[in-house]
Protein backbone atom coordinates (compact mmCIF):
# COMPACT_ATOMS: atom_id res chain seq x y z
CA UNK A 1 0.00 0.00 0.00
CA UNK A 2 1.24 3.52 -0.83
CA UNK A 3 2.44 6.01 1.82
CA UNK A 4 2.24 5.09 5.47
CA UNK A 5 -1.23 3.57 5.40
CA UNK A 6 -1.53 0.55 7.63
CA UNK A 7 -2.37 -2.96 6.60
CA UNK A 8 -5.34 -2.70 8.92
CA UNK A 9 -6.77 0.21 6.91
CA UNK A 10 -6.22 -1.73 3.70
CA UNK A 11 -8.02 -4.76 5.16
CA UNK A 12 -10.88 -2.63 6.47
CA UNK A 13 -11.42 -0.93 3.10
CA UNK A 14 -11.33 -4.27 1.36
CA UNK A 15 -13.91 -5.67 3.74
CA UNK A 16 -16.13 -2.61 3.32
CA UNK A 17 -15.96 -2.89 -0.46
CA UNK A 18 -16.80 -6.57 -0.26
CA UNK A 19 -20.00 -5.84 1.72
CA UNK A 20 -21.41 -2.68 0.18
CA UNK A 21 -24.98 -2.87 1.46
CA UNK A 22 -24.40 -1.32 4.93
CA UNK A 23 -22.74 1.70 3.30
CA UNK A 24 -24.75 2.57 0.20
CA UNK A 25 -28.13 1.19 -0.77
CA UNK A 26 -28.84 0.13 -4.34
CA UNK A 27 -25.26 -0.45 -5.53
CA UNK A 28 -25.42 -2.94 -8.43
CA UNK A 29 -23.10 -5.90 -8.05
CA UNK A 30 -21.31 -4.94 -11.28
CA UNK A 31 -20.56 -1.51 -9.80
CA UNK A 32 -19.35 -2.91 -6.48
CA UNK A 33 -16.99 -5.27 -8.30
CA UNK A 34 -15.77 -2.46 -10.57
CA UNK A 35 -14.98 -0.22 -7.59
CA UNK A 36 -13.21 -3.03 -5.76
CA UNK A 37 -11.22 -3.93 -8.88
CA UNK A 38 -10.18 -0.30 -9.42
CA UNK A 39 -9.03 -0.04 -5.80
CA UNK A 40 -7.03 -3.25 -6.13
CA UNK A 41 -5.50 -2.13 -9.44
CA UNK A 42 -4.29 1.06 -7.74
CA UNK A 43 -2.35 -1.06 -5.22
CA UNK A 44 -4.98 -0.33 -2.57
CA UNK A 45 -4.05 3.35 -2.35
CA UNK A 46 -6.81 5.36 -0.66
CA UNK A 47 -8.15 8.31 -2.67
CA UNK A 48 -10.69 9.85 -0.32
CA UNK A 49 -8.82 9.71 3.02
CA UNK A 50 -5.23 10.40 3.93
CA UNK A 51 -3.38 7.14 4.62
CA UNK A 52 -2.47 7.90 8.24
CA UNK A 53 -3.96 9.50 11.38
CA UNK A 54 -5.95 11.68 11.75
CA UNK A 55 -7.33 10.19 8.52
CA UNK A 56 -8.42 13.54 7.06
CA UNK A 57 -10.67 13.63 3.96
CA UNK A 58 -8.75 14.52 0.80
CA UNK A 59 -9.62 17.35 -1.62
CA UNK A 60 -10.82 14.67 -4.05
CA UNK A 61 -13.26 13.41 -1.41
CA UNK A 62 -14.73 16.91 -1.06
CA UNK A 63 -14.99 17.36 -4.82
CA UNK A 64 -16.60 13.93 -5.20
CA UNK A 65 -19.17 14.60 -2.46
CA UNK A 66 -19.92 17.95 -4.13
CA UNK A 67 -20.54 16.05 -7.36
CA UNK A 68 -22.94 13.70 -5.55
CA UNK A 69 -24.75 16.67 -4.02
CA UNK A 70 -25.05 18.15 -7.53
CA UNK A 71 -26.76 15.04 -8.92
CA UNK A 72 -29.90 17.06 -9.64
CA UNK A 73 -28.02 18.92 -12.38
CA UNK A 74 -27.90 15.59 -14.20
CA UNK A 75 -31.55 14.83 -13.55
CA UNK A 76 -30.79 12.49 -10.64
CA UNK A 77 -31.52 12.49 -6.91
CA UNK A 78 -28.63 13.37 -4.56
CA UNK A 79 -30.36 11.52 -1.70
CA UNK A 80 -29.95 8.26 -3.62
CA UNK A 81 -26.20 8.54 -3.12
CA UNK A 82 -26.25 9.71 0.51
CA UNK A 83 -24.70 13.06 -0.43
CA UNK A 84 -25.72 14.92 2.74
CA UNK A 85 -24.48 12.09 4.95
CA UNK A 86 -21.08 11.94 3.27
CA UNK A 87 -20.76 15.72 3.47
CA UNK A 88 -21.40 15.63 7.22
CA UNK A 89 -18.84 12.85 7.59
CA UNK A 90 -16.01 14.71 5.82
CA UNK A 91 -14.95 16.77 8.86
CA UNK A 92 -16.04 14.38 11.59
CA UNK A 93 -13.30 12.79 13.74
CA UNK A 94 -12.66 9.19 12.79
CA UNK A 95 -10.60 6.19 13.70
CA UNK A 96 -9.08 3.73 11.29
CA UNK A 97 -12.35 1.82 10.86
CA UNK A 98 -14.18 5.10 10.17
CA UNK A 99 -11.54 6.03 7.60
CA UNK A 100 -12.13 2.71 5.85
CA UNK A 101 -15.89 3.28 5.82
CA UNK A 102 -15.43 6.78 4.38
CA UNK A 103 -13.03 5.55 1.69
CA UNK A 104 -15.19 2.64 0.62
CA UNK A 105 -18.50 4.46 1.06
CA UNK A 106 -17.64 7.47 -1.11
CA UNK A 107 -16.15 5.17 -3.75
CA UNK A 108 -19.30 3.03 -3.88
CA UNK A 109 -21.64 6.02 -3.85
CA UNK A 110 -19.72 7.66 -6.67
CA UNK A 111 -19.49 4.39 -8.59
CA UNK A 112 -23.26 4.07 -8.42
CA UNK A 113 -23.64 7.68 -9.52
CA UNK A 114 -21.34 7.10 -12.48
CA UNK A 115 -23.43 4.09 -13.50
CA UNK A 116 -26.71 5.99 -13.20
CA UNK A 117 -25.45 9.18 -14.89
CA UNK A 118 -23.84 7.35 -17.78
CA UNK A 119 -26.04 4.32 -18.35
CA UNK A 120 -29.41 5.11 -16.77
CA UNK A 121 -31.08 3.73 -13.68
CA UNK A 122 -33.67 1.51 -15.38
CA UNK A 123 -33.19 -1.31 -17.86
CA UNK A 124 -35.36 -0.25 -20.84
CA UNK A 125 -36.30 -3.87 -21.46
CA UNK A 126 -38.10 -3.90 -18.10
CA UNK A 127 -40.47 -1.31 -19.58
CA UNK A 128 -41.07 -3.27 -22.77
CA UNK A 129 -38.60 -1.37 -24.96
CA UNK A 130 -36.49 -3.41 -27.36
CA UNK A 131 -33.22 -1.58 -26.69
CA UNK A 132 -29.93 -3.23 -25.73
CA UNK A 133 -29.36 -2.89 -21.99
CA UNK A 134 -26.32 -0.72 -21.31
CA UNK A 135 -26.52 -1.72 -17.63
CA UNK A 136 -25.32 -5.25 -18.25
CA UNK A 137 -22.24 -6.12 -16.21
CA UNK A 138 -20.00 -6.48 -19.26
CA UNK A 139 -20.75 -2.87 -20.28
CA UNK A 140 -21.26 -1.25 -16.89
CA UNK A 141 -18.30 -2.73 -15.02
CA UNK A 142 -15.46 -1.73 -17.33
CA UNK A 143 -16.83 1.80 -17.77
CA UNK A 144 -17.12 2.43 -14.02
CA UNK A 145 -13.75 0.82 -13.33
CA UNK A 146 -12.05 3.07 -15.89
CA UNK A 147 -13.85 6.27 -14.87
CA UNK A 148 -13.61 6.10 -11.09
CA UNK A 149 -9.79 6.28 -11.09
CA UNK A 150 -9.67 9.44 -13.23
CA UNK A 151 -8.10 12.51 -11.57
CA UNK A 152 -11.30 14.36 -10.65
CA UNK A 153 -14.99 13.61 -10.24
CA UNK A 154 -15.82 16.06 -13.04
CA UNK A 155 -13.54 14.25 -15.48
CA UNK A 156 -14.96 10.88 -14.42
CA UNK A 157 -18.56 12.04 -14.96
CA UNK A 158 -17.70 13.55 -18.33
CA UNK A 159 -16.14 10.22 -19.37
CA UNK A 160 -19.43 8.34 -18.95
CA UNK A 161 -21.86 11.11 -19.94
CA UNK A 162 -23.79 10.48 -23.18
CA UNK A 163 -22.30 12.46 -26.06
CA UNK A 164 -25.68 13.18 -27.65
CA UNK A 165 -26.15 16.93 -28.31
CA UNK A 166 -29.77 16.63 -27.16
CA UNK A 167 -28.63 15.22 -23.81
CA UNK A 168 -26.27 18.13 -23.24
CA UNK A 169 -28.90 20.68 -24.29
CA UNK A 170 -31.54 19.26 -21.93
CA UNK A 171 -29.04 19.08 -19.09
CA UNK A 172 -28.12 22.72 -19.71
CA UNK A 173 -31.81 23.71 -19.68
CA UNK A 174 -32.55 22.08 -16.31
CA UNK A 175 -31.41 24.98 -14.04
CA UNK A 176 -33.67 27.50 -15.80
CA UNK A 177 -36.68 25.20 -15.55
CA UNK A 178 -35.93 24.57 -11.90
CA UNK A 179 -35.90 28.35 -11.42
CA UNK A 180 -39.35 28.52 -12.98
CA UNK A 181 -40.57 25.70 -10.75
CA UNK A 182 -39.24 27.47 -7.64
CA UNK A 183 -40.75 30.84 -8.60
CA UNK A 184 -43.76 30.13 -10.80
CA UNK A 185 -45.66 32.88 -12.57
CA UNK A 186 -47.96 34.17 -9.83
CA UNK A 187 -51.34 34.56 -11.55
CA UNK A 188 -53.09 31.29 -12.47
CA UNK A 189 -54.90 31.01 -15.80
CA UNK A 190 -58.69 31.18 -15.37
CA UNK A 191 -61.06 28.83 -17.21
CA UNK A 192 -62.35 29.56 -20.67
CA UNK A 193 -65.41 31.83 -20.84
CA UNK A 194 -68.57 29.96 -19.94
CA UNK A 195 -70.25 31.13 -23.13
CA UNK A 196 -67.80 29.51 -25.57
CA UNK A 197 -65.21 26.75 -25.85
CA UNK A 198 -62.32 28.85 -27.13
CA UNK A 199 -60.82 32.32 -27.19
CA UNK A 200 -59.89 33.61 -30.64
CA UNK A 201 -57.64 36.54 -31.57
CA UNK A 202 -59.36 39.80 -30.66
CA UNK A 203 -61.64 38.18 -28.05
CA UNK A 204 -61.86 39.46 -24.50
CA UNK A 205 -60.69 37.07 -21.76
CA UNK A 206 -59.89 37.59 -18.12
CA UNK A 207 -56.73 35.53 -18.39
CA UNK A 208 -54.83 37.63 -20.95
CA UNK A 209 -52.52 39.30 -18.40
CA UNK A 210 -51.61 35.95 -16.84
CA UNK A 211 -51.16 34.47 -20.33
CA UNK A 212 -48.74 37.22 -21.33
CA UNK A 213 -46.72 36.72 -18.15
CA UNK A 214 -46.46 33.00 -18.91
CA UNK A 215 -45.48 33.58 -22.54
CA UNK A 216 -42.86 36.16 -21.56
CA UNK A 217 -41.38 33.83 -18.95
CA UNK A 218 -40.93 31.07 -21.55
CA UNK A 219 -39.53 33.45 -24.18
CA UNK A 220 -42.43 33.25 -26.63
CA UNK A 221 -43.46 36.90 -26.09
CA UNK A 222 -40.99 39.77 -26.14
CA UNK A 223 -40.95 41.79 -22.89
CA UNK A 224 -41.74 45.03 -24.72
CA UNK A 225 -44.40 43.60 -27.08
CA UNK A 226 -47.49 45.84 -27.35
CA UNK A 227 -50.59 44.60 -25.57
CA UNK A 228 -54.29 45.37 -25.32
CA UNK A 229 -55.52 44.88 -21.76
CA UNK A 230 -58.17 42.19 -21.40
CA UNK A 231 -57.97 40.98 -25.01
CA UNK A 232 -56.11 38.31 -26.96
CA UNK A 233 -54.35 40.85 -29.16
CA UNK A 234 -52.25 40.16 -32.28
CA UNK A 235 -48.86 40.12 -30.53
CA UNK A 236 -50.09 37.74 -27.84
CA UNK A 237 -51.78 35.50 -30.39
CA UNK A 238 -48.55 35.31 -32.41
CA UNK A 239 -46.62 34.41 -29.24
CA UNK A 240 -49.25 31.78 -28.48
CA UNK A 241 -48.64 30.22 -31.90
CA UNK A 242 -44.98 29.86 -31.02
CA UNK A 243 -45.94 28.23 -27.72
CA UNK A 244 -48.36 25.87 -29.49
CA UNK A 245 -45.78 24.86 -32.08
CA UNK A 246 -43.34 23.97 -29.28
CA UNK A 247 -45.94 21.85 -27.52
CA UNK A 248 -47.19 19.69 -30.38
CA UNK A 249 -50.45 21.62 -30.77
CA UNK A 250 -52.21 23.22 -33.73
CA UNK A 251 -50.43 26.57 -34.04
CA UNK A 252 -53.57 28.61 -34.67
CA UNK A 253 -53.21 31.31 -32.00
CA UNK A 254 -56.52 30.24 -30.49
CA UNK A 255 -56.95 29.24 -26.84
CA UNK A 256 -58.89 25.99 -26.74
CA UNK A 257 -59.04 23.20 -24.19
CA UNK A 258 -55.79 21.51 -25.30
CA UNK A 259 -53.83 24.78 -25.40
CA UNK A 260 -55.14 25.87 -22.01
CA UNK A 261 -54.22 22.47 -20.55
CA UNK A 262 -50.65 22.81 -21.89
CA UNK A 263 -50.39 26.35 -20.49
CA UNK A 264 -51.48 25.10 -17.08
CA UNK A 265 -48.81 22.38 -16.82
CA UNK A 266 -46.65 23.52 -13.88
CA UNK A 267 -42.94 24.08 -14.39
CA UNK A 268 -42.20 21.29 -11.89
CA UNK A 269 -43.89 18.83 -14.25
CA UNK A 270 -41.76 20.11 -17.11
CA UNK A 271 -38.67 19.59 -14.97
CA UNK A 272 -39.71 15.99 -14.46
CA UNK A 273 -40.26 15.55 -18.20
CA UNK A 274 -36.69 16.71 -18.80
CA UNK A 275 -35.36 14.33 -16.13
CA UNK A 276 -37.24 11.40 -17.66
CA UNK A 277 -35.94 12.23 -21.11
CA UNK A 278 -32.37 12.42 -19.81
CA UNK A 279 -32.87 8.89 -18.49
CA UNK A 280 -34.10 7.73 -21.91
CA UNK A 281 -31.13 9.33 -23.66
CA UNK A 282 -28.75 7.48 -21.31
CA UNK A 283 -30.18 4.25 -22.69
CA UNK A 284 -28.99 5.28 -26.14
CA UNK A 285 -25.55 6.49 -25.08
CA UNK A 286 -23.97 7.12 -28.46
CA UNK A 287 -25.23 7.14 -32.02
CA UNK A 288 -23.87 5.53 -35.20
CA UNK A 289 -21.40 7.24 -37.46
CA UNK A 290 -22.20 7.76 -41.12
CA UNK A 291 -25.82 7.64 -42.27
CA UNK A 292 -28.62 6.72 -39.89
CA UNK A 293 -32.27 7.49 -39.20
CA UNK A 294 -34.02 8.50 -35.97
CA UNK A 295 -37.76 8.64 -35.26
CA UNK A 296 -39.20 10.27 -32.14
CA UNK A 297 -42.59 8.64 -31.65
CA UNK A 298 -44.50 11.29 -29.60
CA UNK A 299 -43.07 14.12 -31.71
CA UNK A 300 -44.23 12.38 -34.92
CA UNK A 301 -40.97 13.30 -36.63
CA UNK A 302 -38.08 11.61 -38.41
CA UNK A 303 -34.51 12.80 -38.94
CA UNK A 304 -32.03 11.47 -41.50
CA UNK A 305 -28.51 12.07 -40.24
CA UNK A 306 -25.26 11.86 -42.16
CA UNK A 307 -21.95 12.21 -40.33
CA UNK A 308 -23.54 14.02 -37.40
CA UNK A 309 -25.39 16.50 -39.63
CA UNK A 310 -29.17 16.47 -40.14
CA UNK A 311 -29.63 15.86 -43.86
CA UNK A 312 -33.42 16.04 -43.75
CA UNK A 313 -36.38 15.89 -41.40
CA UNK A 314 -39.99 15.01 -42.09
CA UNK A 315 -43.32 14.39 -40.35
CA UNK A 316 -44.39 10.81 -39.76
CA UNK A 317 -47.50 8.94 -38.70
CA UNK A 318 -47.00 6.38 -35.90
CA UNK A 319 -49.07 3.69 -34.21
CA UNK A 320 -52.29 4.50 -32.42
CA UNK A 321 -52.07 5.00 -28.67
CA UNK A 322 -54.00 1.75 -28.08
CA UNK A 323 -51.50 -0.35 -30.05
CA UNK A 324 -48.44 1.84 -30.43
CA UNK A 325 -45.15 1.80 -32.29
CA UNK A 326 -42.46 -0.03 -30.31
CA UNK A 327 -39.20 1.53 -29.16
CA UNK A 328 -36.36 -0.42 -30.79
CA UNK A 329 -33.26 -0.28 -32.97
CA UNK A 330 -32.89 -1.88 -36.38
CA UNK A 331 -31.47 -1.16 -39.83
CA UNK A 332 -32.93 -0.61 -43.31
CA UNK A 333 -31.77 -3.48 -45.49
CA UNK A 334 -33.79 -2.87 -48.63
CA UNK A 335 -36.06 -0.42 -50.41
CA UNK A 336 -39.10 -2.05 -51.99
CA UNK A 337 -40.67 -0.12 -54.86
CA UNK A 338 -44.35 -0.75 -55.64
CA UNK A 339 -44.67 -3.05 -52.61
CA UNK A 340 -47.29 -5.64 -51.89
CA UNK A 341 -49.05 -5.14 -48.57
CA UNK A 342 -49.00 -8.49 -46.83
CA UNK A 343 -51.79 -7.95 -44.35
CA UNK A 344 -50.86 -9.05 -40.80
CA UNK A 345 -52.92 -11.95 -39.47
CA UNK A 346 -54.65 -9.96 -36.76
CA UNK A 347 -55.73 -7.20 -39.14
CA UNK A 348 -56.87 -9.70 -41.78
CA UNK A 349 -58.98 -11.79 -39.39
CA UNK A 350 -60.34 -9.05 -37.10
CA UNK A 351 -60.69 -5.99 -39.32
CA UNK A 352 -60.85 -7.06 -42.96
CA UNK A 353 -62.72 -10.37 -42.72
CA UNK A 354 -65.99 -8.66 -41.64
CA UNK A 355 -65.83 -6.49 -44.78
CA UNK A 356 -65.17 -9.53 -46.93
CA UNK A 357 -68.12 -11.31 -45.34
CA UNK A 358 -70.49 -8.36 -45.89
CA UNK A 359 -69.38 -7.39 -49.39
CA UNK A 360 -67.99 -10.04 -51.77
CA UNK A 361 -66.95 -7.33 -54.23
CA UNK A 362 -64.75 -5.58 -51.65
CA UNK A 363 -61.75 -7.81 -52.42
CA UNK A 364 -61.55 -6.80 -56.08
CA UNK A 365 -62.22 -3.11 -55.45
CA UNK A 366 -59.34 -2.93 -52.95
CA UNK A 367 -57.00 -4.84 -55.27
CA UNK A 368 -56.67 -7.62 -52.69
CA UNK A 369 -55.88 -11.28 -53.31
CA UNK A 370 -55.56 -14.49 -51.33
CA UNK A 371 -52.22 -16.28 -51.06
CA UNK A 372 -52.11 -19.96 -50.11
CA UNK A 373 -55.58 -20.93 -51.27
CA UNK A 374 -59.10 -19.60 -51.04
CA UNK A 375 -61.54 -20.56 -48.30
CA UNK A 376 -65.11 -19.38 -47.84
CA UNK A 377 -67.32 -18.68 -44.86
CA UNK A 378 -66.30 -18.84 -41.22
CA UNK A 379 -63.39 -21.11 -42.10
CA UNK A 380 -61.81 -18.15 -43.86
CA UNK A 381 -61.57 -16.19 -40.63
CA UNK A 382 -59.80 -19.10 -38.96
CA UNK A 383 -57.48 -19.58 -41.92
CA UNK A 384 -56.54 -15.89 -41.90
CA UNK A 385 -55.95 -15.92 -38.14
CA UNK A 386 -53.69 -18.99 -38.35
CA UNK A 387 -51.79 -17.83 -41.43
CA UNK A 388 -52.89 -20.82 -43.51
CA UNK A 389 -54.29 -18.26 -45.94
CA UNK A 390 -52.80 -14.80 -46.34
CA UNK A 391 -54.35 -11.67 -47.69
CA UNK A 392 -52.30 -9.19 -49.63
CA UNK A 393 -52.90 -5.99 -51.56
CA UNK A 394 -51.35 -5.70 -55.01
CA UNK A 395 -49.04 -2.77 -55.83
CA UNK A 396 -50.67 0.40 -57.00
CA UNK A 397 -51.59 3.99 -56.08
CA UNK A 398 -54.16 2.83 -53.51
CA UNK A 399 -51.88 0.33 -51.78
CA UNK A 400 -51.81 0.92 -48.02
CA UNK A 401 -48.00 1.09 -48.15
CA UNK A 402 -48.01 3.61 -50.98
CA UNK A 403 -45.27 3.30 -53.55
CA UNK A 404 -42.20 2.79 -51.36
CA UNK A 405 -41.42 0.56 -48.37
CA UNK A 406 -38.16 0.62 -46.39
CA UNK A 407 -37.58 -2.91 -45.18
CA UNK A 408 -35.97 -3.57 -41.80
CA UNK A 409 -36.75 -7.14 -40.68
CA UNK A 410 -37.65 -7.24 -36.99
CA UNK A 411 -39.75 -9.16 -34.51
CA UNK A 412 -42.29 -6.31 -34.32
CA UNK A 413 -43.11 -6.40 -38.06
CA UNK A 414 -42.65 -2.62 -38.15
CA UNK A 415 -41.20 -0.80 -41.13
CA UNK A 416 -41.13 2.64 -42.76
CA UNK A 417 -43.39 3.26 -45.74
CA UNK A 418 -45.28 5.62 -47.99
CA UNK A 419 -49.05 6.09 -47.66
CA UNK A 420 -51.90 7.26 -49.88
CA UNK A 421 -53.41 9.10 -46.87
CA UNK A 422 -51.34 12.27 -47.28
CA UNK A 423 -53.80 14.53 -45.46
CA UNK A 424 -52.85 13.03 -42.09
CA UNK A 425 -49.46 14.75 -42.15
CA UNK A 426 -51.14 18.15 -41.75
CA UNK A 427 -52.50 17.19 -38.32
CA UNK A 428 -50.67 18.01 -35.11
CA UNK A 429 -51.44 14.62 -33.56
CA UNK A 430 -50.49 11.78 -35.89
CA UNK A 431 -50.99 8.41 -34.19
CA UNK A 432 -53.14 6.59 -36.76
CA UNK A 433 -51.29 3.46 -37.90
CA UNK A 434 -51.26 -0.09 -36.55
CA UNK A 435 -47.61 0.35 -35.57
CA UNK A 436 -45.66 0.95 -38.77
CA UNK A 437 -44.27 4.41 -39.52
CA UNK A 438 -45.72 6.30 -42.46
CA UNK A 439 -43.38 8.78 -44.10
CA UNK A 440 -44.11 12.35 -45.11
CA UNK A 441 -41.41 12.24 -47.82
CA UNK A 442 -40.81 8.58 -48.66
CA UNK A 443 -38.91 9.10 -51.92
CA UNK A 444 -36.45 11.48 -50.24
CA UNK A 445 -35.74 8.95 -47.48
CA UNK A 446 -35.41 6.09 -49.95
CA UNK A 447 -32.88 8.16 -51.90
CA UNK A 448 -31.04 8.92 -48.64
CA UNK A 449 -30.57 5.26 -47.65
CA UNK A 450 -29.56 4.37 -51.22
CA UNK A 451 -27.13 7.30 -51.51
CA UNK A 452 -24.27 6.75 -53.93
CA UNK A 453 -26.11 4.20 -56.08
CA UNK A 454 -27.63 5.03 -59.48
CA UNK A 455 -30.95 3.40 -58.62
CA UNK A 456 -31.18 5.63 -55.53
CA UNK A 457 -31.33 8.89 -57.49
CA UNK A 458 -34.78 10.51 -57.19
CA UNK A 459 -35.42 10.34 -60.94
CA UNK A 460 -34.43 6.65 -61.03
CA UNK A 461 -36.74 5.84 -58.12
CA UNK A 462 -39.60 7.69 -59.80
CA UNK A 463 -38.98 5.79 -63.04
CA UNK A 464 -39.08 2.49 -61.13
CA UNK A 465 -42.37 3.53 -59.54
CA UNK A 466 -43.84 4.54 -62.88
CA UNK A 467 -42.88 1.14 -64.32
CA UNK A 468 -45.37 -0.38 -61.87
CA UNK A 469 -43.48 -3.59 -61.13
CA UNK A 470 -42.62 -4.74 -57.64
CA UNK A 471 -38.87 -4.37 -57.17
CA UNK A 472 -36.46 -4.69 -54.23
CA UNK A 473 -33.28 -2.61 -54.00
CA UNK A 474 -30.70 -3.79 -51.48
CA UNK A 475 -29.27 -1.21 -49.06
CA UNK A 476 -25.58 -1.90 -48.45
CA UNK A 477 -24.38 -1.35 -45.86
CA UNK A 478 -27.68 -1.35 -43.97
CA UNK A 479 -28.65 2.04 -42.56
CA UNK A 480 -29.29 1.99 -38.77
CA UNK A 481 -32.68 3.14 -37.49
CA UNK A 482 -33.39 4.28 -33.94
CA UNK A 483 -37.05 4.50 -32.97
CA UNK A 484 -37.14 6.24 -29.61
CA UNK A 485 -39.54 8.03 -27.30
CA UNK A 486 -38.87 11.50 -25.87
CA UNK A 487 -41.62 13.85 -24.72
CA UNK A 488 -39.03 16.65 -24.65
CA UNK A 489 -36.73 17.48 -27.52
CA UNK A 490 -34.70 20.41 -28.77
CA UNK A 491 -36.05 22.31 -31.77
CA UNK A 492 -34.06 23.70 -34.67
CA UNK A 493 -34.01 27.05 -32.85
CA UNK A 494 -32.38 25.47 -29.79
CA UNK A 495 -35.50 25.84 -27.65
CA UNK A 496 -37.20 22.96 -25.88
CA UNK A 497 -40.24 21.28 -27.39
CA UNK A 498 -42.63 19.58 -24.94
CA UNK A 499 -45.06 17.16 -26.57
CA UNK A 500 -47.86 15.03 -25.08
CA UNK A 501 -46.93 11.65 -23.59
CA UNK A 502 -49.21 9.97 -26.12
CA UNK A 503 -48.44 6.38 -25.03
CA UNK A 504 -48.10 7.04 -21.29
CA UNK A 505 -44.49 5.81 -21.36
CA UNK A 506 -43.26 8.68 -19.18
CA UNK A 507 -45.76 7.81 -16.46
CA UNK A 508 -44.51 4.22 -16.38
CA UNK A 509 -40.86 5.30 -16.36
CA UNK A 510 -41.55 7.74 -13.54
CA UNK A 511 -43.10 4.95 -11.47
CA UNK A 512 -40.11 2.68 -12.14
CA UNK A 513 -37.64 5.37 -11.09
CA UNK A 514 -39.54 6.10 -7.88
CA UNK A 515 -39.69 2.44 -6.87
CA UNK A 516 -37.31 1.64 -3.97
CA UNK A 517 -34.07 -0.11 -5.02
CA UNK A 518 -34.00 -3.85 -4.59
């Protein structure tokens, strides 16, 4: 052991690290082992206490405890790491056993904090998300072991922090939103007038002064903007449109029930949304290099990214709230032009069979055909449900998949595709599909994933569509796709966008994070 530290101190620290539970609750076994291994690799040299009486706390111990106390800046709870207790212990008199407890305890608390701040507290698979768990021992252990021996706590935390720009932007926004939560705008917003269900530009409303205060506080209304007392004037209505656009609402400058509900969400709830989104971004960690695609389900938006730069963005339609689009990662392996729609069993037997039974001519009008034989009557429903007989729609302008399908084989049977229902993209809420993702600009995305190949040029794709034949174009190498869920994101202007938790995923994540550690 380095310095003049005694063998007894070394033994006591080793024993404390071997039995973490009395010191810090909720330390994963992978973290405990990583901390113990790092201590052993450093020849058992203490970092948080001096190696001889009076066993004073080191400057690193104070900086590390400060980092634990500042856990809220990373969207985490300082109490989970015993920050106040360790701070009180720094200047308390201690014997050799107490020095060992301080050394091991701070190391374990900080190791747990590194794991939580870098990899998330919850395994996404426990919430039904098909994302690789970054908390597995083979990923978590080496990262904590490497980080905890870095010169300062700040450097160690930076080493594990997700590199996503969105993560850093949300983390930077947290203090301002906490300020708003601590000092909310004083005047509450009154209800809508009893005589009507909305307030339109030019209307009188008792809540206009409170509305302006709220819009100024969030930066949607300039402090010196002109105003008409008691009325929803032009400047306020324009500011309201900006607020609505940032909250996934119809940006019409009209105060209706949905807009009023969004205005009434307290800042503390917005803080929690940011914290939950930081947790979700820790699950992702890093993103692919080169070309890749990201879809944010509750924002109904897709981004195509090339070398860290957004090449294009477009609106999408996702799965209905009752069924939903899953959160998962995959890769586009092919572009199918003029695709067949192979109707999933459940849709064929539960939704389309009744139409077939009522109207024999429906099949021909919808350009549908049976594959695997043709059965009549009630036996057809059973055959469709079992897959003995399949139903598919032939290629064409009315095909449910439109003219282009981006194929990414997965267990969820979810893919990206065109749609003949173009009008849906004009709506602010766009959860209408059975789970697949409908694209606002399918040809542009197909050209993006096929970049560098002659058949991927827009004019070549259009010619292939016009030819009418079903054709598959291989994407090589496959283009990664991340389908994620974030009720807070950062807009092109750098401001935060808060959108409704359409699937209730944030509520479930919040419950999981509040559950006591096992």
